[in-house]
């Protein structure tokens, strides 16, 4: 059974929040992008996926997270913004 992109995004978000280190967060983000590429997901869908990840990450409140979780969220936002800039550069 294949996952929908929403399910995939939710599972990725859980992995990011529960990651043991910022290096794990980077690995999860990069792995997700490689997975989308491997499954030949259309470029505009990948951009929407990245934008939705950034939007979802922006919704977290630091008061509701422990220090490691908040650090993971911030690292994921940095990673996905870098990915977004890379995707934009590829299209121009």
C-alpha atoms as a PDB file:
ATOM      1  CA  UNK A   1       0.000   0.000   0.000  1.00  0.00           C
ATOM      2  CA  UNK A   2       1.426   3.371  -0.953  1.00  0.00           C
ATOM      3  CA  UNK A   3       1.353   6.407   1.287  1.00  0.00           C
ATOM      4  CA  UNK A   4      -0.306   9.618   0.240  1.00  0.00           C
ATOM      5  CA  UNK A   5       1.923  12.687   0.320  1.00  0.00           C
ATOM      6  CA  UNK A   6      -0.038  13.941   3.347  1.00  0.00           C
ATOM      7  CA  UNK A   7       0.649  10.686   5.204  1.00  0.00           C
ATOM      8  CA  UNK A   8       4.295  10.826   4.145  1.00  0.00           C
ATOM      9  CA  UNK A   9       4.555  14.439   5.350  1.00  0.00           C
ATOM     10  CA  UNK A  10       2.984  13.558   8.725  1.00  0.00           C
ATOM     11  CA  UNK A  11       5.332  10.611   9.246  1.00  0.00           C
ATOM     12  CA  UNK A  12       8.291  12.807   8.293  1.00  0.00           C
ATOM     13  CA  UNK A  13       7.162  15.473  10.752  1.00  0.00           C
ATOM     14  CA  UNK A  14       7.008  12.873  13.534  1.00  0.00           C
ATOM     15  CA  UNK A  15      10.525  11.668  12.681  1.00  0.00           C
ATOM     16  CA  UNK A  16      11.831  15.243  12.688  1.00  0.00           C
ATOM     17  CA  UNK A  17      10.317  16.099  16.051  1.00  0.00           C
ATOM     18  CA  UNK A  18      11.535  12.892  17.684  1.00  0.00           C
ATOM     19  CA  UNK A  19      15.018  12.937  16.099  1.00  0.00           C
ATOM     20  CA  UNK A  20      17.924  12.536  18.488  1.00  0.00           C
ATOM     21  CA  UNK A  21      20.117  15.128  16.804  1.00  0.00           C
ATOM     22  CA  UNK A  22      20.189  17.864  14.205  1.00  0.00           C
ATOM     23  CA  UNK A  23      22.214  15.524  11.985  1.00  0.00           C
ATOM     24  CA  UNK A  24      19.303  13.065  12.080  1.00  0.00           C
ATOM     25  CA  UNK A  25      16.945  15.874  11.067  1.00  0.00           C
ATOM     26  CA  UNK A  26      19.137  16.715   8.064  1.00  0.00           C
ATOM     27  CA  UNK A  27      19.268  13.049   7.105  1.00  0.00           C
ATOM     28  CA  UNK A  28      15.467  12.707   7.326  1.00  0.00           C
ATOM     29  CA  UNK A  29      14.902  15.832   5.208  1.00  0.00           C
ATOM     30  CA  UNK A  30      17.417  14.749   2.578  1.00  0.00           C
ATOM     31  CA  UNK A  31      16.047  11.221   2.590  1.00  0.00           C
ATOM     32  CA  UNK A  32      12.515  12.490   2.048  1.00  0.00           C
ATOM     33  CA  UNK A  33      13.606  14.511  -0.965  1.00  0.00           C
ATOM     34  CA  UNK A  34      15.504  11.547  -2.409  1.00  0.00           C
ATOM     35  CA  UNK A  35      12.408   9.399  -1.875  1.00  0.00           C
ATOM     36  CA  UNK A  36      10.245  11.860  -3.802  1.00  0.00           C
ATOM     37  CA  UNK A  37      12.822  11.936  -6.574  1.00  0.00           C
ATOM     38  CA  UNK A  38      13.050   8.131  -6.616  1.00  0.00           C
ATOM     39  CA  UNK A  39       9.275   7.915  -7.054  1.00  0.00           C
ATOM     40  CA  UNK A  40       9.422  10.463  -9.888  1.00  0.00           C
ATOM     41  CA  UNK A  41       7.142  12.952  -8.149  1.00  0.00           C
ATOM     42  CA  UNK A  42       6.492  15.939 -10.421  1.00  0.00           C
ATOM     43  CA  UNK A  43       8.573  19.038  -9.644  1.00  0.00           C
ATOM     44  CA  UNK A  44       5.648  21.320  -8.850  1.00  0.00           C
ATOM     45  CA  UNK A  45       4.301  18.711  -6.420  1.00  0.00           C
ATOM     46  CA  UNK A  46       7.711  18.586  -4.703  1.00  0.00           C
ATOM     47  CA  UNK A  47       7.681  22.384  -4.342  1.00  0.00           C
ATOM     48  CA  UNK A  48       4.182  22.225  -2.808  1.00  0.00           C
ATOM     49  CA  UNK A  49       5.355  19.451  -0.472  1.00  0.00           C
ATOM     50  CA  UNK A  50       8.327  21.560   0.679  1.00  0.00           C
ATOM     51  CA  UNK A  51       6.157  24.661   1.116  1.00  0.00           C
ATOM     52  CA  UNK A  52       3.643  22.674   3.169  1.00  0.00           C
ATOM     53  CA  UNK A  53       6.439  21.279   5.357  1.00  0.00           C
ATOM     54  CA  UNK A  54       7.727  24.806   6.002  1.00  0.00           C
ATOM     55  CA  UNK A  55       4.209  26.039   6.750  1.00  0.00           C
ATOM     56  CA  UNK A  56       3.554  23.149   9.149  1.00  0.00           C
ATOM     57  CA  UNK A  57       6.886  23.686  10.900  1.00  0.00           C
ATOM     58  CA  UNK A  58       6.064  27.383  11.327  1.00  0.00           C
ATOM     59  CA  UNK A  59       2.909  26.427  13.246  1.00  0.00           C
ATOM     60  CA  UNK A  60       4.817  24.910  16.175  1.00  0.00           C
ATOM     61  CA  UNK A  61       5.083  26.897  19.385  1.00  0.00           C
ATOM     62  CA  UNK A  62       8.351  26.697  21.364  1.00  0.00           C
ATOM     63  CA  UNK A  63       6.417  26.625  24.632  1.00  0.00           C
ATOM     64  CA  UNK A  64       4.825  23.316  23.611  1.00  0.00           C
ATOM     65  CA  UNK A  65       8.144  21.597  22.771  1.00  0.00           C
ATOM     66  CA  UNK A  66      11.177  20.519  24.739  1.00  0.00           C
ATOM     67  CA  UNK A  67      14.586  21.967  23.812  1.00  0.00           C
ATOM     68  CA  UNK A  68      15.588  19.083  21.510  1.00  0.00           C
ATOM     69  CA  UNK A  69      12.259  19.099  19.702  1.00  0.00           C
ATOM     70  CA  UNK A  70      12.417  22.869  19.163  1.00  0.00           C
ATOM     71  CA  UNK A  71      15.984  22.567  17.904  1.00  0.00           C
ATOM     72  CA  UNK A  72      14.853  19.830  15.494  1.00  0.00           C
ATOM     73  CA  UNK A  73      11.998  21.983  14.212  1.00  0.00           C
ATOM     74  CA  UNK A  74      14.321  24.924  13.616  1.00  0.00           C
ATOM     75  CA  UNK A  75      16.857  22.736  11.809  1.00  0.00           C
ATOM     76  CA  UNK A  76      14.128  21.255   9.614  1.00  0.00           C
ATOM     77  CA  UNK A  77      12.936  24.752   8.694  1.00  0.00           C
ATOM     78  CA  UNK A  78      16.478  25.687   7.701  1.00  0.00           C
ATOM     79  CA  UNK A  79      16.862  22.493   5.666  1.00  0.00           C
ATOM     80  CA  UNK A  80      13.553  22.859   3.854  1.00  0.00           C
ATOM     81  CA  UNK A  81      14.217  26.520   3.097  1.00  0.00           C
ATOM     82  CA  UNK A  82      17.576  25.503   1.585  1.00  0.00           C
ATOM     83  CA  UNK A  83      15.846  22.816  -0.437  1.00  0.00           C
ATOM     84  CA  UNK A  84      13.260  25.355  -1.593  1.00  0.00           C
ATOM     85  CA  UNK A  85      15.980  27.763  -2.737  1.00  0.00           C
ATOM     86  CA  UNK A  86      17.702  24.924  -4.582  1.00  0.00           C
ATOM     87  CA  UNK A  87      14.443  23.960  -6.314  1.00  0.00           C
ATOM     88  CA  UNK A  88      13.810  27.571  -7.329  1.00  0.00           C
ATOM     89  CA  UNK A  89      17.339  27.865  -8.702  1.00  0.00           C
ATOM     90  CA  UNK A  90      16.846  24.692 -10.754  1.00  0.00           C
ATOM     91  CA  UNK A  91      13.739  26.096 -12.441  1.00  0.00           C
ATOM     92  CA  UNK A  92      15.402  29.352 -13.496  1.00  0.00           C
END
